[in-house]
Amino acid sequence: MDEEKESERTIMGLPPVRVPAALAKEGSLTGQDLEVMEKLKEGDALLIAVSGFSQNVRYLLNEPSVSVGRSLKADILLDDPTVSRHHALFTKLGATYVLKDLDSLNGTYVNGSRIDSLELKSGDAIMIGRFKMLFYLKDRS
């Protein structure tokens, strides 16, 4: 298995942020994204929407669980018919995050593969309906 490569990006006045190569090559990270990533607490995670109606929106994952769906009660509301009302759930388990599909009609995909449940790593590309999001986990580096 290939080791995850990282690159560094610097914004004037801020120290470099270690960004997984998968995020860096996506080319969608803005200076503001990097600033937000630098300010995260260790163990917190960030979803950066790169396509779909919520493009350029960031979702902070700092709760024990975060629900995603079309329901008005979802923590992350993705209002599109390709998204189930109760589509997926992010769960923080210690220092890791697990993404679980909640038997959605169109499925949940990580790096192009349909998943039932998967431990995420920084740089993973998540597809929920028409929405593509990049996952970033702040670690000790």
C-alpha atoms as a PDB file:
ATOM      1  CA  MET A   1       0.000   0.000   0.000  1.00  0.00           C
ATOM      2  CA  ASP A   2       1.344   3.456  -0.925  1.00  0.00           C
ATOM      3  CA  GLU A   3       2.214   5.735   1.924  1.00  0.00           C
ATOM      4  CA  GLU A   4       0.144   8.876   2.022  1.00  0.00           C
ATOM      5  CA  LYS A   5       2.273  11.763   0.762  1.00  0.00           C
ATOM      6  CA  GLU A   6       1.951  15.261   2.089  1.00  0.00           C
ATOM      7  CA  SER A   7       2.747  18.677   0.737  1.00  0.00           C
ATOM      8  CA  GLU A   8       3.063  21.957   2.563  1.00  0.00           C
ATOM      9  CA  ARG A   9       1.233  25.150   1.736  1.00  0.00           C
ATOM     10  CA  THR A  10       2.004  28.473   3.359  1.00  0.00           C
ATOM     11  CA  ILE A  11      -0.092  31.589   3.682  1.00  0.00           C
ATOM     12  CA  MET A  12       1.593  34.899   4.495  1.00  0.00           C
ATOM     13  CA  GLY A  13       1.808  35.184   8.255  1.00  0.00           C
ATOM     14  CA  LEU A  14       0.846  31.583   9.021  1.00  0.00           C
ATOM     15  CA  PRO A  15       3.068  28.550   9.452  1.00  0.00           C
ATOM     16  CA  PRO A  16       2.908  25.833   6.777  1.00  0.00           C
ATOM     17  CA  VAL A  17      -0.034  23.434   6.996  1.00  0.00           C
ATOM     18  CA  ARG A  18       0.650  19.769   6.234  1.00  0.00           C
ATOM     19  CA  VAL A  19      -1.903  18.850   3.610  1.00  0.00           C
ATOM     20  CA  PRO A  20      -2.356  15.288   2.338  1.00  0.00           C
ATOM     21  CA  ALA A  21      -1.372  15.051  -1.318  1.00  0.00           C
ATOM     22  CA  ALA A  22      -4.930  14.012  -2.222  1.00  0.00           C
ATOM     23  CA  LEU A  23      -6.201  17.339  -0.923  1.00  0.00           C
ATOM     24  CA  ALA A  24      -3.385  19.375  -2.453  1.00  0.00           C
ATOM     25  CA  LYS A  25      -3.767  17.901  -5.935  1.00  0.00           C
ATOM     26  CA  GLU A  26      -7.525  18.474  -5.892  1.00  0.00           C
ATOM     27  CA  GLY A  27      -6.589  22.100  -6.472  1.00  0.00           C
ATOM     28  CA  SER A  28      -9.689  23.356  -4.739  1.00  0.00           C
ATOM     29  CA  LEU A  29      -8.168  24.488  -1.462  1.00  0.00           C
ATOM     30  CA  THR A  30      -8.279  28.221  -0.922  1.00  0.00           C
ATOM     31  CA  GLY A  31      -6.162  30.289   1.412  1.00  0.00           C
ATOM     32  CA  GLN A  32      -9.187  30.506   3.673  1.00  0.00           C
ATOM     33  CA  ASP A  33      -9.444  26.684   3.732  1.00  0.00           C
ATOM     34  CA  LEU A  34      -5.810  26.474   4.831  1.00  0.00           C
ATOM     35  CA  GLU A  35      -6.378  29.061   7.557  1.00  0.00           C
ATOM     36  CA  VAL A  36      -9.352  27.100   8.909  1.00  0.00           C
ATOM     37  CA  MET A  37      -7.366  23.848   8.768  1.00  0.00           C
ATOM     38  CA  GLU A  38      -4.498  25.405  10.736  1.00  0.00           C
ATOM     39  CA  LYS A  39      -6.876  26.591  13.485  1.00  0.00           C
ATOM     40  CA  LEU A  40      -8.497  23.191  14.074  1.00  0.00           C
ATOM     41  CA  LYS A  41      -7.941  21.507  17.418  1.00  0.00           C
ATOM     42  CA  GLU A  42      -6.043  18.235  17.354  1.00  0.00           C
ATOM     43  CA  GLY A  43      -8.516  15.419  16.644  1.00  0.00           C
ATOM     44  CA  ASP A  44     -11.098  17.649  14.946  1.00  0.00           C
ATOM     45  CA  ALA A  45     -11.925  17.089  11.305  1.00  0.00           C
ATOM     46  CA  LEU A  46     -13.146  19.232   8.453  1.00  0.00           C
ATOM     47  CA  LEU A  47     -15.190  18.453   5.354  1.00  0.00           C
ATOM     48  CA  ILE A  48     -14.563  20.778   2.437  1.00  0.00           C
ATOM     49  CA  ALA A  49     -17.268  20.679  -0.240  1.00  0.00           C
ATOM     50  CA  VAL A  50     -15.694  20.827  -3.697  1.00  0.00           C
ATOM     51  CA  SER A  51     -18.724  20.130  -5.886  1.00  0.00           C
ATOM     52  CA  GLY A  52     -22.486  20.181  -5.676  1.00  0.00           C
ATOM     53  CA  PHE A  53     -24.705  23.024  -4.544  1.00  0.00           C
ATOM     54  CA  SER A  54     -22.666  23.511  -1.372  1.00  0.00           C
ATOM     55  CA  GLN A  55     -19.332  24.008  -3.166  1.00  0.00           C
ATOM     56  CA  ASN A  56     -16.758  25.899  -1.068  1.00  0.00           C
ATOM     57  CA  VAL A  57     -18.674  25.232   2.158  1.00  0.00           C
ATOM     58  CA  ARG A  58     -16.762  23.790   5.119  1.00  0.00           C
ATOM     59  CA  TYR A  59     -18.299  21.511   7.730  1.00  0.00           C
ATOM     60  CA  LEU A  60     -16.580  21.116  11.094  1.00  0.00           C
ATOM     61  CA  LEU A  61     -16.681  17.614  12.567  1.00  0.00           C
ATOM     62  CA  ASN A  62     -16.066  18.137  16.266  1.00  0.00           C
ATOM     63  CA  GLU A  63     -19.022  16.282  17.802  1.00  0.00           C
ATOM     64  CA  PRO A  64     -19.220  12.571  18.704  1.00  0.00           C
ATOM     65  CA  SER A  65     -21.535  12.044  15.720  1.00  0.00           C
ATOM     66  CA  VAL A  66     -22.638  14.173  12.777  1.00  0.00           C
ATOM     67  CA  SER A  67     -25.578  13.145  10.584  1.00  0.00           C
ATOM     68  CA  VAL A  68     -25.845  13.912   6.873  1.00  0.00           C
ATOM     69  CA  GLY A  69     -29.023  13.923   4.829  1.00  0.00           C
ATOM     70  CA  ARG A  70     -31.937  15.743   3.282  1.00  0.00           C
ATOM     71  CA  SER A  71     -33.848  15.832   6.581  1.00  0.00           C
ATOM     72  CA  LEU A  72     -34.202  19.209   8.266  1.00  0.00           C
ATOM     73  CA  LYS A  73     -32.924  17.465  11.406  1.00  0.00           C
ATOM     74  CA  ALA A  74     -29.616  16.469   9.762  1.00  0.00           C
ATOM     75  CA  ASP A  75     -26.498  18.132  11.145  1.00  0.00           C
ATOM     76  CA  ILE A  76     -25.282  18.576   7.565  1.00  0.00           C
ATOM     77  CA  LEU A  77     -28.260  19.305   5.339  1.00  0.00           C
ATOM     78  CA  LEU A  78     -27.738  18.411   1.672  1.00  0.00           C
ATOM     79  CA  ASP A  79     -30.998  19.387   0.026  1.00  0.00           C
ATOM     80  CA  ASP A  80     -30.992  17.404  -3.204  1.00  0.00           C
ATOM     81  CA  PRO A  81     -33.090  14.427  -4.398  1.00  0.00           C
ATOM     82  CA  THR A  82     -29.904  12.333  -4.833  1.00  0.00           C
ATOM     83  CA  VAL A  83     -29.440  12.436  -1.045  1.00  0.00           C
ATOM     84  CA  SER A  84     -31.581  10.299   1.283  1.00  0.00           C
ATOM     85  CA  ARG A  85     -33.284  11.952   4.263  1.00  0.00           C
ATOM     86  CA  HIS A  86     -31.008   9.988   6.599  1.00  0.00           C
ATOM     87  CA  HIS A  87     -28.063   9.280   4.321  1.00  0.00           C
ATOM     88  CA  ALA A  88     -24.870   8.879   6.358  1.00  0.00           C
ATOM     89  CA  LEU A  89     -23.308   9.316   9.777  1.00  0.00           C
ATOM     90  CA  PHE A  90     -19.821  10.464  10.792  1.00  0.00           C
ATOM     91  CA  THR A  91     -18.786   9.046  14.173  1.00  0.00           C
ATOM     92  CA  LYS A  92     -15.704  10.031  16.135  1.00  0.00           C
ATOM     93  CA  LEU A  93     -14.059   6.999  17.737  1.00  0.00           C
ATOM     94  CA  GLY A  94     -11.038   8.048  19.759  1.00  0.00           C
ATOM     95  CA  ALA A  95      -8.626   9.697  17.326  1.00  0.00           C
ATOM     96  CA  THR A  96     -10.425   8.427  14.212  1.00  0.00           C
ATOM     97  CA  TYR A  97     -13.620   9.100  12.300  1.00  0.00           C
ATOM     98  CA  VAL A  98     -15.850   6.444  10.781  1.00  0.00           C
ATOM     99  CA  LEU A  99     -18.306   7.160   7.977  1.00  0.00           C
ATOM    100  CA  LYS A 100     -21.345   4.873   7.857  1.00  0.00           C
ATOM    101  CA  ASP A 101     -23.943   4.730   5.106  1.00  0.00           C
ATOM    102  CA  LEU A 102     -27.452   4.568   6.596  1.00  0.00           C
ATOM    103  CA  ASP A 103     -28.898   2.286   3.888  1.00  0.00           C
ATOM    104  CA  SER A 104     -29.253   5.235   1.528  1.00  0.00           C
ATOM    105  CA  LEU A 105     -30.742   4.672  -1.905  1.00  0.00           C
ATOM    106  CA  ASN A 106     -27.806   6.093  -3.905  1.00  0.00           C
ATOM    107  CA  GLY A 107     -25.044   5.007  -1.542  1.00  0.00           C
ATOM    108  CA  THR A 108     -22.048   6.693   0.014  1.00  0.00           C
ATOM    109  CA  TYR A 109     -18.683   6.598  -1.743  1.00  0.00           C
ATOM    110  CA  VAL A 110     -15.147   7.105  -0.475  1.00  0.00           C
ATOM    111  CA  ASN A 111     -12.405   7.471  -3.079  1.00  0.00           C
ATOM    112  CA  GLY A 112     -14.763   6.103  -5.725  1.00  0.00           C
ATOM    113  CA  SER A 113     -15.785   2.918  -3.860  1.00  0.00           C
ATOM    114  CA  ARG A 114     -19.206   2.374  -2.356  1.00  0.00           C
ATOM    115  CA  ILE A 115     -18.970   1.811   1.398  1.00  0.00           C
ATOM    116  CA  ASP A 116     -21.161   0.538   4.196  1.00  0.00           C
ATOM    117  CA  SER A 117     -18.799   1.740   6.919  1.00  0.00           C
ATOM    118  CA  LEU A 118     -15.194   2.913   6.693  1.00  0.00           C
ATOM    119  CA  GLU A 119     -12.551   4.525   8.889  1.00  0.00           C
ATOM    120  CA  LEU A 120     -11.585   7.756   7.147  1.00  0.00           C
ATOM    121  CA  LYS A 121      -8.110   9.101   6.594  1.00  0.00           C
ATOM    122  CA  SER A 122      -7.087  12.628   5.785  1.00  0.00           C
ATOM    123  CA  GLY A 123      -7.411  13.327   2.075  1.00  0.00           C
ATOM    124  CA  ASP A 124     -10.340  10.942   1.446  1.00  0.00           C
ATOM    125  CA  ALA A 125     -12.819  12.100  -1.200  1.00  0.00           C
ATOM    126  CA  ILE A 126     -16.424  11.475  -0.121  1.00  0.00           C
ATOM    127  CA  MET A 127     -19.403  11.445  -2.495  1.00  0.00           C
ATOM    128  CA  ILE A 128     -22.912  11.750  -1.087  1.00  0.00           C
ATOM    129  CA  GLY A 129     -25.387  12.173  -3.915  1.00  0.00           C
ATOM    130  CA  ARG A 130     -24.055  14.954  -6.146  1.00  0.00           C
ATOM    131  CA  PHE A 131     -21.893  16.356  -3.366  1.00  0.00           C
ATOM    132  CA  LYS A 132     -18.154  15.738  -3.311  1.00  0.00           C
ATOM    133  CA  MET A 133     -16.349  16.585  -0.082  1.00  0.00           C
ATOM    134  CA  LEU A 134     -12.747  16.221   0.996  1.00  0.00           C
ATOM    135  CA  PHE A 135     -12.005  14.978   4.501  1.00  0.00           C
ATOM    136  CA  TYR A 136      -9.198  16.534   6.549  1.00  0.00           C
ATOM    137  CA  LEU A 137      -8.208  15.338  10.022  1.00  0.00           C
ATOM    138  CA  LYS A 138      -6.025  17.545  12.214  1.00  0.00           C
ATOM    139  CA  ASP A 139      -3.343  15.326  13.727  1.00  0.00           C
ATOM    140  CA  ARG A 140      -0.316  15.948  15.941  1.00  0.00           C
ATOM    141  CA  SER A 141       2.073  17.024  13.156  1.00  0.00           C
END
